[in-house]
Protein backbone atom coordinates (compact mmCIF):
# COMPACT_ATOMS: atom_id res chain seq x y z
CA MET A 1 15.11 -52.54 40.63
CA PRO A 2 18.44 -51.26 39.28
CA THR A 3 18.61 -47.92 37.49
CA LEU A 4 18.84 -48.86 33.80
CA VAL A 5 18.86 -46.93 30.54
CA GLU A 6 18.94 -48.58 27.13
CA CYS A 7 20.77 -47.03 24.19
CA VAL A 8 20.40 -48.15 20.55
CA PRO A 9 22.79 -46.19 18.33
CA ASN A 10 22.77 -46.78 14.56
CA PHE A 11 26.06 -46.54 12.69
CA SER A 12 26.47 -46.05 8.94
CA GLU A 13 28.59 -49.15 8.44
CA GLY A 14 27.29 -52.66 7.77
CA ARG A 15 29.97 -54.16 5.55
CA ARG A 16 33.38 -53.73 7.17
CA THR A 17 33.45 -56.09 10.15
CA GLU A 18 36.69 -54.66 11.50
CA VAL A 19 35.18 -51.16 11.73
CA ILE A 20 32.04 -52.41 13.46
CA GLN A 21 34.11 -54.33 15.99
CA GLN A 22 36.24 -51.29 16.82
CA ILE A 23 33.11 -49.25 17.52
CA ILE A 24 31.65 -52.00 19.69
CA ALA A 25 34.92 -52.26 21.60
CA GLN A 26 34.44 -48.67 22.75
CA ILE A 27 31.08 -49.57 24.27
CA ARG A 28 32.53 -52.61 25.99
CA SER A 29 35.32 -50.47 27.44
CA VAL A 30 32.93 -48.68 29.83
CA GLU A 31 32.57 -50.40 33.19
CA GLY A 32 29.02 -51.32 34.13
CA VAL A 33 27.70 -51.13 30.58
CA LYS A 34 26.43 -54.38 29.05
CA LEU A 35 26.31 -54.99 25.32
CA LEU A 36 23.04 -56.79 24.60
CA ASP A 37 23.00 -57.13 20.84
CA TYR A 38 24.32 -55.86 17.52
CA SER A 39 23.42 -56.56 13.93
CA ALA A 40 24.88 -55.43 10.62
CA ASP A 41 23.06 -55.22 7.28
CA GLU A 42 25.09 -55.04 4.07
CA SER A 43 22.30 -53.72 1.85
CA HIS A 44 21.39 -50.98 4.31
CA ASN A 45 25.11 -50.56 5.08
CA ARG A 46 24.13 -49.96 8.68
CA SER A 47 24.67 -51.47 12.11
CA VAL A 48 22.31 -51.33 15.06
CA VAL A 49 23.84 -51.76 18.51
CA THR A 50 21.96 -52.21 21.78
CA PHE A 51 23.48 -51.75 25.22
CA ILE A 52 22.25 -51.06 28.72
CA GLY A 53 23.52 -49.76 32.04
CA GLU A 54 23.31 -46.94 34.54
CA PRO A 55 22.71 -43.53 32.94
CA GLU A 56 26.16 -41.94 33.15
CA GLY A 57 27.92 -45.09 31.96
CA VAL A 58 25.58 -45.46 29.01
CA LYS A 59 26.10 -41.81 28.06
CA GLU A 60 29.88 -42.26 28.17
CA ALA A 61 29.72 -45.43 26.07
CA ALA A 62 27.61 -43.65 23.45
CA PHE A 63 30.15 -40.82 23.27
CA ARG A 64 33.12 -43.16 22.87
CA ALA A 65 31.35 -45.13 20.14
CA ALA A 66 30.40 -41.95 18.27
CA LYS A 67 33.98 -40.69 18.49
CA LYS A 68 35.36 -43.92 17.05
CA ALA A 69 32.73 -43.97 14.29
CA ALA A 70 33.71 -40.42 13.31
CA GLU A 71 37.31 -41.56 12.99
CA LEU A 72 36.57 -44.65 10.89
CA ILE A 73 33.54 -43.81 8.71
CA ASN A 74 33.77 -41.34 5.84
CA MET A 75 30.27 -40.32 4.77
CA GLU A 76 31.62 -39.08 1.43
CA GLU A 77 32.14 -42.75 0.55
CA HIS A 78 29.03 -44.20 2.18
CA ARG A 79 26.30 -45.81 0.07
CA GLY A 80 23.37 -47.84 1.37
CA GLU A 81 19.63 -48.37 1.13
CA HIS A 82 18.77 -46.90 4.53
CA PRO A 83 18.34 -43.12 4.98
CA ARG A 84 21.30 -41.64 6.89
CA MET A 85 23.03 -38.35 7.60
CA GLY A 86 26.04 -39.29 9.71
CA ALA A 87 28.64 -41.88 10.68
CA THR A 88 26.70 -42.21 13.91
CA ASP A 89 23.27 -41.61 12.48
CA VAL A 90 21.03 -41.75 15.56
CA ILE A 91 21.51 -42.22 19.30
CA PRO A 92 18.28 -42.78 21.25
CA PHE A 93 18.08 -43.18 25.04
CA ILE A 94 15.25 -45.38 26.32
CA PRO A 95 14.07 -45.60 29.96
CA ILE A 96 14.01 -49.16 31.29
CA SER A 97 13.85 -49.21 35.09
CA ASP A 98 13.89 -46.53 37.79
CA VAL A 99 14.51 -43.95 35.03
CA THR A 100 12.08 -41.40 33.62
CA MET A 101 11.76 -40.01 30.12
CA GLU A 102 12.95 -36.68 31.57
CA ASP A 103 16.15 -38.41 32.68
CA CYS A 104 16.69 -39.66 29.13
CA ILE A 105 16.03 -36.20 27.70
CA ARG A 106 18.73 -34.83 29.98
CA LEU A 107 21.17 -37.53 28.82
CA ALA A 108 20.41 -36.74 25.18
CA ARG A 109 21.03 -33.04 25.63
CA GLU A 110 24.23 -33.53 27.63
CA LEU A 111 25.59 -35.99 25.08
CA GLY A 112 24.58 -33.76 22.18
CA GLN A 113 26.34 -30.78 23.66
CA ARG A 114 29.52 -32.79 24.31
CA MET A 115 29.55 -34.23 20.78
CA GLY A 116 29.15 -30.76 19.33
CA GLU A 117 31.90 -29.24 21.45
CA GLU A 118 34.47 -32.05 21.53
CA LEU A 119 33.87 -33.89 18.25
CA ASN A 120 32.76 -30.88 16.17
CA ILE A 121 29.74 -32.87 14.95
CA PRO A 122 26.41 -31.14 14.29
CA VAL A 123 23.76 -32.65 16.58
CA TYR A 124 20.00 -32.49 16.23
CA LEU A 125 17.75 -33.37 19.17
CA TYR A 126 14.76 -35.51 18.18
CA GLU A 127 11.72 -37.37 19.54
CA GLU A 128 11.05 -36.48 23.21
CA ALA A 129 14.29 -34.47 23.44
CA ALA A 130 13.40 -32.25 20.48
CA THR A 131 13.60 -28.49 21.00
CA ARG A 132 11.22 -27.80 18.09
CA PRO A 133 7.94 -29.61 17.31
CA GLU A 134 8.97 -30.37 13.73
CA ARG A 135 12.10 -32.15 14.95
CA LYS A 136 10.26 -34.80 16.95
CA ASN A 137 10.01 -36.77 13.72
CA LEU A 138 13.39 -38.20 12.73
CA ALA A 139 12.42 -38.13 9.06
CA ASN A 140 12.17 -34.34 9.21
CA VAL A 141 15.56 -34.06 10.88
CA ARG A 142 17.18 -36.34 8.31
CA LYS A 143 15.47 -34.80 5.27
CA GLY A 144 17.88 -34.68 2.35
CA GLN A 145 20.18 -37.19 4.01
CA TYR A 146 23.93 -36.57 4.22
CA GLU A 147 24.27 -35.19 0.71
CA GLY A 148 21.34 -32.77 0.97
CA LEU A 149 22.04 -31.67 4.52
CA LYS A 150 25.54 -30.47 3.60
CA GLU A 151 23.89 -27.42 2.02
CA ALA A 152 20.62 -27.31 3.97
CA ILE A 153 22.44 -27.07 7.32
CA LYS A 154 23.44 -23.53 6.39
CA GLN A 155 19.78 -22.46 6.45
CA HIS A 156 18.43 -20.97 9.68
CA GLU A 157 15.64 -23.54 10.05
CA ARG A 158 18.11 -26.44 9.69
CA GLN A 159 20.64 -25.11 12.18
CA PRO A 160 21.70 -27.90 14.57
CA ASP A 161 21.01 -27.77 18.29
CA TYR A 162 24.70 -28.27 19.06
CA GLY A 163 27.93 -28.15 17.12
CA PRO A 164 28.94 -26.32 13.93
CA GLN A 165 26.56 -25.21 11.21
CA GLU A 166 28.54 -27.20 8.67
CA MET A 167 29.29 -30.88 8.18
CA GLY A 168 32.54 -32.75 7.99
CA LYS A 169 33.05 -36.28 6.71
CA ALA A 170 31.37 -37.70 9.84
CA GLY A 171 28.14 -35.93 8.92
CA ALA A 172 25.54 -35.09 11.55
CA THR A 173 23.90 -37.08 14.35
CA ALA A 174 20.38 -37.14 15.79
CA VAL A 175 20.33 -37.69 19.55
CA GLY A 176 17.08 -38.23 21.38
CA ALA A 177 14.91 -39.96 23.94
CA ARG A 178 12.03 -42.29 23.13
CA PRO A 179 10.05 -45.35 24.26
CA PRO A 180 11.11 -48.82 23.03
CA LEU A 181 10.96 -49.15 19.23
CA ILE A 182 10.77 -52.28 17.10
CA ALA A 183 12.77 -52.25 13.87
CA TYR A 184 10.89 -54.66 11.62
CA ASN A 185 11.44 -55.48 7.94
CA ILE A 186 9.12 -57.40 5.62
CA ASN A 187 10.53 -58.94 2.45
CA LEU A 188 8.45 -59.27 -0.72
CA GLY A 189 8.61 -61.84 -3.50
CA THR A 190 9.41 -59.26 -6.14
CA ASP A 191 12.23 -56.98 -7.25
CA ASP A 192 9.78 -54.16 -8.00
CA VAL A 193 10.70 -51.55 -5.40
CA ASN A 194 7.74 -49.41 -6.43
CA ILE A 195 5.39 -52.00 -4.93
CA ALA A 196 7.29 -51.83 -1.64
CA LYS A 197 7.07 -48.02 -1.73
CA LYS A 198 3.30 -48.13 -2.32
CA ILE A 199 2.84 -50.54 0.59
CA ALA A 200 5.03 -48.39 2.84
CA LYS A 201 2.90 -45.37 1.98
CA ALA A 202 -0.26 -47.30 2.88
CA ILE A 203 0.93 -48.27 6.36
CA ARG A 204 2.91 -45.26 7.60
CA GLY A 205 1.29 -42.56 9.67
CA SER A 206 2.59 -39.61 7.66
CA SER A 207 0.54 -40.68 4.63
CA GLY A 208 -2.64 -41.85 6.36
CA GLY A 209 -1.68 -45.22 7.81
CA PHE A 210 -0.89 -46.12 11.41
CA VAL A 211 0.09 -43.00 13.36
CA SER A 212 2.95 -44.70 15.24
CA VAL A 213 4.40 -46.51 12.21
CA LYS A 214 7.17 -45.26 9.91
CA ALA A 215 7.96 -47.16 6.73
CA LEU A 216 9.94 -47.02 3.50
CA GLY A 217 10.21 -49.23 0.44
CA VAL A 218 13.74 -50.24 -0.53
CA LEU A 219 15.52 -52.70 -2.83
CA LEU A 220 17.91 -55.22 -1.27
CA GLU A 221 20.43 -55.38 -4.07
CA ASP A 222 22.33 -58.38 -2.68
CA ARG A 223 19.12 -60.48 -2.77
CA ASN A 224 17.36 -58.59 -5.57
CA ILE A 225 14.11 -58.34 -3.59
CA ALA A 226 11.98 -55.42 -2.47
CA GLN A 227 11.58 -54.75 1.24
CA VAL A 228 9.23 -52.71 3.39
CA THR A 229 11.44 -51.43 6.19
CA ILE A 230 9.43 -50.39 9.24
CA ASN A 231 9.85 -48.64 12.57
CA MET A 232 7.15 -49.63 15.05
CA CYS A 233 7.25 -46.62 17.35
CA ASN A 234 4.53 -47.84 19.72
CA TYR A 235 3.86 -51.59 19.61
CA LYS A 236 1.21 -51.24 22.34
CA GLU A 237 -0.80 -48.92 20.13
CA VAL A 238 -0.22 -50.87 16.90
CA PRO A 239 0.75 -54.54 17.39
CA LEU A 240 3.19 -56.32 15.12
CA PHE A 241 0.64 -58.75 13.69
CA ARG A 242 -1.63 -55.93 12.54
CA VAL A 243 1.14 -54.36 10.46
CA PHE A 244 2.17 -57.74 9.05
CA GLU A 245 -1.39 -58.57 8.02
CA LEU A 246 -1.87 -55.21 6.30
CA VAL A 247 1.41 -55.53 4.39
CA LYS A 248 0.43 -59.06 3.32
CA SER A 249 -2.99 -57.81 2.19
CA GLU A 250 -1.55 -54.86 0.27
CA ALA A 251 1.07 -57.07 -1.38
CA ALA A 252 -1.65 -59.47 -2.55
CA ARG A 253 -3.29 -56.59 -4.44
CA TYR A 254 -0.20 -56.56 -6.68
CA GLY A 255 0.00 -60.34 -6.96
CA VAL A 256 3.02 -60.46 -4.64
CA ASN A 257 3.69 -62.73 -1.67
CA VAL A 258 5.43 -61.93 1.60
CA ILE A 259 8.44 -64.26 1.64
CA GLY A 260 9.81 -63.42 5.07
CA SER A 261 10.34 -60.81 7.74
CA GLU A 262 13.03 -59.89 10.23
CA ILE A 263 13.47 -58.09 13.51
CA VAL A 264 16.55 -55.89 13.74
CA GLY A 265 17.97 -55.67 17.24
CA LEU A 266 15.91 -56.51 20.31
CA ILE A 267 12.17 -56.69 20.85
CA PRO A 268 10.08 -56.60 24.05
CA MET A 269 8.70 -60.03 24.92
CA GLU A 270 5.22 -58.53 25.27
CA ALA A 271 5.18 -57.68 21.56
CA LEU A 272 5.87 -61.30 20.56
CA LEU A 273 3.32 -62.64 23.02
CA GLU A 274 0.67 -60.51 21.30
CA VAL A 275 1.63 -62.15 18.00
CA ALA A 276 1.36 -65.62 19.55
CA GLU A 277 -2.05 -64.84 21.02
CA PHE A 278 -3.33 -63.59 17.67
CA TYR A 279 -2.10 -66.37 15.40
CA LEU A 280 -2.62 -69.26 17.84
CA ARG A 281 -6.01 -67.91 18.95
CA LEU A 282 -4.97 -68.38 22.57
CA GLU A 283 -7.71 -67.92 25.12
CA GLY A 284 -7.01 -66.53 28.58
CA PHE A 285 -3.24 -66.61 28.01
CA ARG A 286 -1.10 -64.83 30.60
CA LYS A 287 2.53 -63.70 30.49
CA GLU A 288 3.12 -65.70 33.65
CA GLN A 289 2.65 -68.88 31.59
CA VAL A 290 5.94 -68.22 29.77
CA LEU A 291 8.56 -70.43 31.40
CA GLU A 292 11.36 -67.87 31.30
CA THR A 293 9.30 -65.25 33.12
CA ARG A 294 8.80 -67.58 36.07
CA ILE A 295 12.47 -68.54 36.21
CA THR A 296 13.62 -64.93 36.38
CA GLU A 297 11.10 -63.82 39.03
């Protein structure tokens, strides 16, 4: 098996196509790195990019993309539904093959240090790369978002792991290492964002829901509908269908229907197979029965 690391940086730009393309071009410029996917959301004003390659190449591609984002995105002008604190908001490294989580932690720390020194961007280490227990959770790192962190960063407990203890127009970046994550959004047949917020509270781990689920309720202004935006941090622990069914059940309490859902970026095939097994009531189904898995063996 080749040595492969996945990287899924999120950039605070989902509306200006020319800016997104310039950032992506930096990733494509690194030999041996393969761009797998990217998606842009206007309401969230955010782009999610997925690429893969050998560790050093992936680390270099992430640095080049972050540098270009810092040049092109002014956080003083940024507005969007998704929480954010920087032009390059998060950069996670994910082990894929012949790579350990420790390897990804090393990549995160090396990249964070370089971004702090060369780009003068405050960097916070999160998830498995975190240097403090409270920083494992990205929500804690990003508390206050860009506007709030401009002042909070001056406090001792909010001091970044690398870079200056003040923010420029590129904001701050969280760099970390984690297992595969599924970014999953569920759209509701209402414009009442308070319903989405109540449902998000019911399903997220921090308020008594699923431990490995993070969720927020937001309003998609371009469609005038409420959305429950979800991070599935461990799909093996909590499958996709279980979260969908709970959201649908909670929405029904308020007389609201689920009108659709979406996956942002890539998703492991295993997660979708679990959904198929559940809804189709498949008996004795095996991954080897999927045509594509046999072709690629």
